Protein backbone atom coordinates (compact mmCIF):
# COMPACT_ATOMS: atom_id res chain seq x y z
CA MET A 1 -0.01 -0.02 0.03
CA ILE A 2 1.33 3.44 -0.91
CA ILE A 3 0.67 6.02 1.81
CA CYS A 4 0.11 9.41 0.50
CA PHE A 5 0.77 11.35 3.72
CA ARG A 6 3.95 13.33 3.32
CA THR A 7 4.32 15.37 6.56
CA ARG A 8 4.66 14.58 10.22
CA LEU A 9 1.49 16.59 10.81
CA GLU A 10 -0.39 14.45 8.38
CA MET A 11 0.95 11.24 10.06
CA LYS A 12 -0.10 12.55 13.49
CA LEU A 13 -3.53 13.34 12.13
CA SER A 14 -3.97 9.89 10.73
CA ALA A 15 -3.67 8.42 14.12
CA THR A 16 -6.91 10.23 15.15
CA MET A 17 -8.84 8.82 12.22
CA SER A 18 -10.84 5.57 12.22
CA ARG A 19 -9.29 2.65 10.44
CA LYS A 20 -12.14 2.61 7.77
CA SER A 21 -11.69 6.40 7.07
CA LEU A 22 -7.95 6.07 6.87
CA LEU A 23 -8.08 3.14 4.33
CA LEU A 24 -10.70 4.95 2.29
CA LEU A 25 -8.43 8.07 2.26
CA LEU A 26 -5.28 6.26 1.41
CA CYS A 27 -7.02 4.24 -1.39
CA SER A 28 -8.41 7.45 -2.98
CA ARG A 29 -6.82 8.45 -6.22
CA SER A 30 -7.88 12.13 -5.62
CA HIS A 31 -5.22 14.13 -3.86
CA ILE A 32 -7.78 16.83 -3.29
CA LYS A 33 -9.88 14.43 -1.17
CA GLN A 34 -6.69 13.63 0.84
CA GLY A 35 -6.03 17.37 1.23
CA VAL A 36 -9.59 18.28 2.27
CA SER A 37 -9.54 15.55 4.85
CA MET A 38 -6.28 16.60 6.12
CA TYR A 39 -7.38 20.20 6.74
CA LEU A 40 -10.62 19.15 8.27
CA ASP A 41 -8.78 16.86 10.70
CA ALA A 42 -6.40 19.75 11.53
CA LEU A 43 -9.42 22.05 12.11
CA ASN A 44 -10.95 19.38 14.43
CA TRP A 45 -7.77 19.11 16.41
CA ILE A 46 -7.36 22.80 16.71
CA ARG A 47 -10.97 23.12 17.81
CA THR A 48 -10.81 20.47 20.45
CA THR A 49 -7.39 21.22 21.76
CA TYR A 50 -7.48 24.96 22.12
CA PRO A 51 -10.20 27.47 22.93
CA TYR A 52 -9.23 30.12 20.26
CA TRP A 53 -11.08 28.86 17.25
CA ASN A 54 -14.36 28.54 19.18
CA ALA A 55 -13.86 31.94 20.77
CA THR A 56 -13.40 33.82 17.44
CA LYS A 57 -14.98 31.47 15.09
CA GLY A 58 -11.63 31.35 13.17
CA SER A 59 -11.55 34.98 12.22
CA ASN A 60 -7.95 35.43 13.48
CA HIS A 61 -6.51 32.25 12.11
CA ILE A 62 -4.18 32.06 9.15
CA TRP A 63 -3.88 28.98 6.89
CA LEU A 64 -1.34 28.30 4.26
CA PHE A 65 -2.39 26.65 0.90
CA ALA A 66 0.70 26.21 -1.12
CA HIS A 67 -1.03 23.92 -3.71
CA ASP A 68 -0.99 24.83 -7.38
CA GLU A 69 -4.52 26.15 -7.11
CA GLY A 70 -4.04 27.70 -3.75
CA ALA A 71 -7.13 27.92 -1.55
CA CYS A 72 -9.67 27.04 -4.40
CA TRP A 73 -10.28 23.72 -2.65
CA ALA A 74 -10.09 24.88 0.91
CA PRO A 75 -12.95 23.52 3.07
CA GLU A 76 -15.70 26.13 3.19
CA GLU A 77 -15.74 26.36 7.02
CA ILE A 78 -11.96 27.19 6.97
CA TYR A 79 -12.10 29.57 3.96
CA ASN A 80 -15.00 31.72 4.94
CA ARG A 81 -13.74 32.37 8.40
CA SER A 82 -10.00 32.60 8.22
CA ILE A 83 -7.17 34.29 6.33
CA MET A 84 -5.75 32.42 3.38
CA LEU A 85 -2.07 32.53 2.34
CA SER A 86 -1.41 31.12 -1.06
CA GLN A 87 0.39 31.89 -4.40
CA TRP A 88 -2.70 31.77 -6.57
CA GLY A 89 -4.84 34.96 -6.66
CA ARG A 90 -7.55 33.76 -8.96
CA MET A 91 -10.72 35.70 -8.39
CA SER A 92 -13.21 33.69 -10.52
CA HIS A 93 -16.67 33.34 -9.07
CA ALA A 94 -18.35 30.00 -8.21
CA VAL A 95 -20.40 28.38 -11.07
CA PRO A 96 -22.71 25.34 -10.99
CA GLN A 97 -20.98 22.01 -11.29
CA ASP A 98 -22.17 18.31 -11.63
CA GLY A 99 -24.31 17.29 -8.75
CA GLY A 100 -25.92 20.82 -8.27
CA ILE A 101 -22.99 22.17 -6.33
CA SER A 102 -21.67 25.74 -7.24
CA MET A 103 -17.99 26.23 -6.87
CA THR A 104 -15.01 27.56 -8.86
CA THR A 105 -13.97 25.52 -11.91
CA SER A 106 -10.57 23.82 -11.40
CA SER A 107 -8.04 25.09 -13.80
CA THR A 108 -5.67 22.03 -13.58
CA SER A 109 -4.99 19.50 -16.33
CA ARG A 110 -4.21 16.79 -13.89
CA TRP A 111 -7.17 14.52 -12.94
CA GLU A 112 -5.95 13.73 -9.45
CA TYR A 113 -5.85 17.48 -8.49
CA ASN A 114 -9.06 18.50 -10.06
CA TYR A 115 -11.46 19.33 -7.30
CA ASN A 116 -14.49 19.28 -9.53
CA LYS A 117 -14.06 15.52 -10.28
CA ALA A 118 -13.68 12.16 -8.62
CA ASP A 119 -15.99 13.04 -5.77
CA ASP A 120 -17.25 10.09 -3.71
CA LYS A 121 -19.59 9.76 -0.62
CA ASP A 122 -18.21 6.55 0.86
CA ASP A 123 -16.04 8.36 3.42
CA PRO A 124 -17.68 8.53 6.90
CA ALA A 125 -15.71 11.71 7.62
CA MET A 126 -17.37 13.30 4.54
CA PRO A 127 -20.66 11.54 3.92
CA GLU A 128 -21.72 14.11 1.43
CA GLY A 129 -18.42 14.21 -0.52
CA PHE A 130 -15.37 16.48 -0.50
CA MET A 131 -17.10 18.80 -2.98
CA LYS A 132 -19.80 19.63 -0.45
CA ALA A 133 -17.08 20.13 2.16
CA ILE A 134 -15.27 22.65 -0.16
CA GLY A 135 -18.55 24.42 -0.94
CA SER A 136 -18.96 27.69 -2.77
CA HIS A 137 -16.27 30.29 -2.44
CA PRO A 138 -13.58 31.94 -4.57
CA CYS A 139 -9.88 31.03 -4.53
CA TYR A 140 -8.80 34.45 -3.17
CA THR A 141 -10.62 37.32 -1.41
CA PRO A 142 -8.54 40.63 -1.59
CA SER A 143 -10.11 41.99 1.53
CA LYS A 144 -8.86 39.22 3.83
CA ASP A 145 -6.33 36.98 1.95
CA LEU A 146 -2.81 37.52 0.91
CA VAL A 147 -0.98 36.23 -2.34
CA LEU A 148 2.64 35.36 -1.43
CA PRO A 149 5.55 35.30 -3.98
CA ALA A 150 6.95 32.07 -4.85
CA PHE A 151 10.36 31.59 -3.26
CA LYS A 152 13.22 32.13 -5.78
CA PRO A 153 16.75 31.43 -4.37
CA PRO A 154 19.40 34.06 -5.29
CA PRO A 155 21.13 31.81 -7.87
CA LEU A 156 17.97 31.89 -10.11
CA TYR A 157 18.32 35.63 -10.59
CA HIS A 158 22.13 35.85 -10.61
CA ALA A 159 22.17 37.84 -13.82
CA SER A 160 19.71 40.48 -12.72
CA PRO A 161 20.97 44.12 -12.81
CA PHE A 162 19.42 44.51 -9.36
CA VAL A 163 22.10 42.20 -7.83
CA GLY A 164 25.08 43.38 -9.76
CA GLY A 165 24.42 41.69 -13.06
CA ASP A 166 25.81 43.13 -16.20
CA SER A 167 24.06 46.55 -16.27
CA ARG A 168 25.40 47.14 -19.82
CA ARG A 169 23.55 44.11 -21.26
CA THR A 170 21.31 45.00 -23.99
CA ARG A 171 17.60 44.13 -23.63
CA ASP A 172 17.38 42.82 -27.23
CA ILE A 173 14.36 40.38 -26.63
CA LEU A 174 11.02 42.32 -26.85
CA LEU A 175 9.02 39.56 -25.11
CA LEU A 176 9.91 36.36 -23.43
CA LEU A 177 8.01 33.23 -22.48
CA ARG A 178 10.10 30.11 -21.90
CA GLY A 179 8.87 26.79 -20.53
CA ASP A 180 6.17 24.20 -20.82
CA LEU A 181 3.75 25.34 -23.66
CA GLY A 182 1.37 22.40 -23.15
CA ALA A 183 2.22 20.50 -26.27
CA HIS A 184 1.92 17.28 -24.37
CA ARG A 185 -0.72 18.37 -21.88
CA GLY A 186 -4.46 18.34 -21.79
CA PRO A 187 -6.55 21.32 -23.06
CA ASP A 188 -7.16 22.54 -19.52
CA PHE A 189 -3.40 23.20 -18.91
CA SER A 190 -2.98 26.86 -18.41
CA GLY A 191 -6.56 27.35 -19.49
CA GLY A 192 -5.24 26.89 -23.09
CA LEU A 193 -3.32 30.26 -22.84
CA ARG A 194 0.16 28.77 -23.33
CA GLN A 195 -0.98 26.62 -26.20
CA THR A 196 -2.57 29.73 -27.82
CA LEU A 197 0.56 31.77 -27.50
CA ALA A 198 2.73 28.99 -29.01
CA LYS A 199 0.43 28.74 -32.06
CA LEU A 200 0.38 32.51 -32.54
CA ALA A 201 4.04 32.86 -32.20
CA LYS A 202 4.79 30.11 -34.67
CA ALA A 203 2.11 31.14 -37.19
CA GLY A 204 3.21 34.78 -37.14
CA ASN A 205 6.96 34.08 -37.06
CA TRP A 206 7.09 36.45 -34.04
CA LYS A 207 10.72 35.62 -33.15
CA ALA A 208 12.06 36.89 -36.42
CA ARG A 209 9.52 39.62 -37.19
CA HIS A 210 9.06 41.13 -33.67
CA GLY A 211 11.73 39.84 -31.37
CA ILE A 212 9.06 37.97 -29.35
CA TRP A 213 10.63 34.63 -28.08
CA ILE A 214 8.08 31.95 -27.07
CA GLY A 215 9.29 28.39 -26.72
CA THR A 216 10.29 25.55 -24.57
CA GLU A 217 13.58 25.28 -22.85
CA ARG A 218 14.91 23.09 -25.76
CA GLU A 219 13.84 25.57 -28.36
CA LEU A 220 15.23 28.70 -26.49
CA GLU A 221 18.68 27.63 -25.27
CA GLY A 222 20.67 29.55 -22.88
CA ASP A 223 20.75 30.62 -19.15
CA GLN A 224 17.33 31.52 -17.88
CA SER A 225 18.49 34.39 -15.79
CA VAL A 226 20.44 35.87 -18.66
CA LEU A 227 17.44 35.58 -21.07
CA LEU A 228 15.25 37.36 -18.54
CA SER A 229 17.86 40.09 -18.13
CA ARG A 230 17.90 40.44 -21.91
CA SER A 231 14.09 40.90 -22.08
CA ARG A 232 12.19 44.04 -22.04
CA TYR A 233 8.84 42.36 -21.40
CA CYS A 234 8.02 38.94 -19.93
CA LEU A 235 4.76 37.09 -20.23
CA VAL A 236 2.98 35.96 -17.06
CA VAL A 237 0.64 33.11 -17.65
CA PRO A 238 -0.55 30.23 -15.37
CA ARG A 239 0.43 26.51 -15.43
CA ASP A 240 -1.92 24.22 -13.52
CA GLY A 241 -2.38 27.19 -11.20
CA TRP A 242 0.27 29.70 -10.10
CA SER A 243 3.57 29.79 -12.15
CA GLY A 244 5.99 32.07 -10.47
CA LEU A 245 6.64 33.97 -13.76
CA PHE A 246 5.63 37.28 -12.26
CA GLU A 247 8.34 36.95 -9.62
CA ASP A 248 10.94 35.97 -12.27
CA ALA A 249 10.04 39.03 -14.31
CA VAL A 250 10.15 41.38 -11.47
CA LEU A 251 13.46 40.08 -10.00
CA HIS A 252 15.13 40.67 -13.39
CA GLY A 253 13.70 44.13 -14.16
CA CYS A 254 11.63 42.62 -16.97
CA ILE A 255 8.21 44.32 -17.23
CA PRO A 256 5.58 41.66 -16.70
CA VAL A 257 2.74 41.34 -19.19
CA VAL A 258 0.08 39.70 -17.22
CA VAL A 259 -2.75 37.85 -18.94
CA THR A 260 -5.80 38.38 -16.84
CA GLY A 261 -9.38 39.60 -16.89
CA PRO A 262 -12.52 38.74 -18.89
CA SER A 263 -12.49 37.04 -22.23
CA GLY A 264 -15.02 36.13 -24.92
CA SER A 265 -13.11 33.07 -25.77
CA ALA A 266 -13.29 29.62 -24.05
CA SER A 267 -9.52 29.85 -23.31
CA GLY A 268 -9.99 32.88 -21.11
CA GLY A 269 -11.92 31.06 -18.38
CA ILE A 270 -8.92 30.59 -16.13
CA ALA A 271 -8.23 34.44 -16.22
CA ALA A 272 -11.77 35.54 -16.04
CA GLY A 273 -12.40 37.72 -12.91
CA GLY A 274 -8.76 38.47 -12.78
CA ILE A 275 -5.64 36.96 -11.26
CA ALA A 276 -3.98 38.94 -8.43
CA GLN A 277 -0.21 38.99 -8.26
CA PRO A 278 2.00 38.69 -5.11
CA PHE A 279 1.36 41.42 -2.54
CA SER A 280 -1.05 43.20 -4.92
CA ALA A 281 -3.30 43.95 -1.84
CA LEU A 282 -0.36 45.78 -0.20
CA VAL A 283 1.84 47.12 -3.03
CA ARG A 284 0.85 49.21 -5.97
CA LEU A 285 1.90 46.96 -8.94
CA SER A 286 -0.26 48.43 -11.69
CA SER A 287 2.47 51.03 -12.38
CA ALA A 288 5.08 48.37 -13.07
CA MET A 289 3.33 45.99 -15.44
CA VAL A 290 1.15 45.68 -18.59
CA LYS A 291 -2.15 43.90 -18.40
CA VAL A 292 -3.80 42.17 -21.32
CA THR A 293 -6.80 39.88 -21.74
CA PRO A 294 -6.81 36.53 -23.43
CA ASP A 295 -8.53 38.22 -26.39
CA ASP A 296 -5.61 40.64 -26.69
CA LEU A 297 -2.98 37.94 -27.40
CA PRO A 298 -3.00 38.10 -31.28
CA ALA A 299 -2.35 41.88 -30.99
CA LEU A 300 0.63 41.52 -28.48
CA PRO A 301 3.19 42.87 -31.02
CA ARG A 302 1.19 45.96 -31.62
CA ILE A 303 0.37 46.54 -27.97
CA LEU A 304 3.92 46.52 -26.93
CA ARG A 305 5.03 48.65 -29.91
CA ASP A 306 2.42 51.25 -28.78
CA VAL A 307 4.11 51.58 -25.35
CA THR A 308 6.31 54.63 -25.45
CA LEU A 309 9.94 54.53 -24.46
CA LEU A 310 9.22 56.88 -21.52
CA GLU A 311 6.36 54.71 -20.35
CA GLU A 312 8.66 51.65 -20.55
CA GLU A 313 11.44 53.35 -18.60
CA GLU A 314 9.01 54.45 -15.88
CA MET A 315 7.62 50.95 -15.39
CA ARG A 316 11.21 49.54 -15.21
CA ALA A 317 12.13 52.25 -12.69
CA ASN A 318 9.10 51.15 -10.62
CA LEU A 319 10.30 47.56 -10.75
CA GLY A 320 13.44 48.78 -9.08
CA LYS A 321 11.40 49.91 -6.17
CA ILE A 322 9.51 46.63 -5.59
CA TRP A 323 11.77 43.85 -6.70
CA HIS A 324 13.07 43.19 -3.15
CA ARG A 325 9.55 42.32 -2.03
CA MET A 326 9.71 39.29 -4.30
CA ALA A 327 13.04 38.05 -2.90
CA TRP A 328 12.33 37.11 0.72
CA LEU A 329 15.32 39.08 1.83
CA SER A 330 14.63 39.07 5.43
CA HIS A 331 15.52 35.34 5.69
CA PRO A 332 19.18 35.05 6.85
CA TRP A 333 19.97 32.26 4.28
CA VAL A 334 18.78 34.54 1.49
CA GLU A 335 20.57 37.57 2.85
CA ASN A 336 23.86 35.68 3.16
CA HIS A 337 23.73 34.02 -0.30
CA LEU A 338 22.58 37.36 -1.96
CA THR A 339 25.44 39.23 -0.37
CA ALA A 340 28.00 36.63 -1.75
CA LEU A 341 26.29 36.83 -5.13
CA VAL A 342 26.46 40.62 -5.34
CA ARG A 343 30.05 40.54 -4.26
CA ASP A 344 30.88 37.95 -6.91
CA ASN A 345 28.95 39.86 -9.64
CA LEU A 346 30.79 43.11 -8.84
CA ARG A 347 34.07 41.34 -9.17
CA LYS A 348 33.08 39.96 -12.54
CA HIS A 349 31.58 43.30 -13.73
CA PRO A 350 33.60 45.96 -12.14
CA TRP A 351 31.84 48.60 -14.46
CA VAL A 352 28.61 48.01 -12.55
CA GLN A 353 30.12 49.70 -9.51
CA GLU A 354 31.56 52.41 -11.66
CA ASP A 355 28.10 53.04 -13.21
CA LEU A 356 26.46 53.07 -9.72
CA ASP A 357 29.12 55.53 -8.49
CA SER A 358 28.39 57.74 -11.49
CA GLN A 359 24.65 57.51 -10.98
CA ARG A 360 25.20 58.46 -7.25
CA LEU A 361 27.29 61.50 -8.32
CA GLN A 362 24.67 62.58 -10.83
CA GLN A 363 22.01 62.27 -8.15
CA GLN A 364 24.07 64.24 -5.63
CA SER A 365 24.72 66.92 -8.28
CA ALA A 366 21.02 67.06 -9.20
CA HIS A 367 20.07 67.39 -5.55
CA GLN A 368 22.69 70.16 -5.03
CA HIS A 369 21.48 71.87 -8.14
CA MET A 370 17.81 71.53 -6.95
CA GLY A 371 18.95 72.96 -3.61
CA ARG A 372 20.53 75.98 -5.20
CA GLN A 373 17.51 76.48 -7.33
CA SER A 374 15.36 76.17 -4.24
CA PHE A 375 17.61 78.76 -2.45
CA PHE A 376 17.44 81.19 -5.31
CA ALA A 377 13.76 80.69 -5.66
CA ALA A 378 13.25 81.40 -1.96
CA GLU A 379 15.48 84.50 -2.24
CA ALA A 380 13.53 85.74 -5.24
CA ALA A 381 10.19 85.05 -3.49
CA ALA A 382 11.43 87.13 -0.42
CA ALA A 383 12.60 89.93 -2.60
CA ALA A 384 9.37 89.97 -4.48
CA ALA A 385 7.37 90.03 -1.25
CA ALA A 386 9.59 92.81 0.10
CA GLU A 387 9.13 94.87 -3.06
CA ALA A 388 5.41 94.19 -2.91
CA ASP A 389 5.31 95.45 0.73
CA SER A 390 7.28 98.50 -0.24
CA SER A 391 5.03 99.24 -3.21
CA ASN A 392 1.98 98.95 -1.13
CA SER A 393 3.30 101.27 1.49
CA ASN A 394 4.27 103.87 -1.09
CA SER A 395 0.92 103.76 -2.74
CA GLU A 396 -0.80 104.61 0.46
CA VAL A 397 -2.36 108.26 0.69
CA LEU A 398 -0.93 110.14 3.54
CA VAL A 399 -3.36 112.59 5.03
CA PRO A 400 -1.69 115.62 6.74
CA PRO A 401 -2.97 116.51 10.15
CA ILE A 402 -5.67 119.02 10.37
CA ILE A 403 -4.58 122.10 12.29
CA ASP A 404 -7.32 124.26 13.68
């Protein structure tokens, strides 16, 4: 028998289950059923061990859902009462499913992770099935939940200009998407978005005509971090849920092109309602990315050409203000490795430090110039005010005293 529990917590929880429930759970092919059962057991343990859940009805409890589809399949009792942490900010609404249950539509191409399928009602712990336990709720609610960035260790963005990478490297790739394009996947993979992009790029010869690189790792050879650092824009599309492409783009100063929002096409279902990016509830990301809908994909070359150089520079400058929020820099391991990486990059690319010193001098000179201008402006304003006072006093009519 293959036991699917993979953590100590899950093993401890299994000890509290009846033998029949445990065997049914272990024999289930649905990983979602296993996950729902685990979270419900955890909830029951918390509820019976501590008084806090019952006292607050779960309102101040935080749950982590690191699954590809985040909290889409969180048990309703947990989702509606608590704060969800995940990497999947999909905001689609619930729709009717088989069996008369309304819930969000799973976006995975993997049967065992699809929470709309393989439901059964033979588990005493969930007599009405796991879909009933999941209930009707979105995957992410901006007013209470938080989308976390996927963890990217520093070596994955070693060529970034933000960490001492070659700052003089030319961004000669207009748009980049490198990875699994769904050629050997089911139609639900990425909601069909990656497959559509692959077909558009091939049919339109986008790489030769527009400098838009869309391909697999075998088709687009080279170091991923270097390719990202050479790209002006980077596509952000899902996989079987979250993909981490937004974090990759931001960490390299590559402007994210996020496919999100409503669409009239069937392939737009996964993006319908919007897909929130990491920390979007806390950080203003709209000034550092381009948003397109699935219906906009054929027009991507024109859309990007219409972005002015000034607009592009402003968006990239804004990326420089937020990239560290995607890097988990507060962790000592990350801080130590990133410090070593920056030191190594500056040793390889000494001109980076020279450019930084030059920029610092220019900023100091600009600040001094602005200071002088402010001083002269203040002096001019004071002189004008004094002149105005003098003028007003001279214009007054002096009435001589009346002598009887």
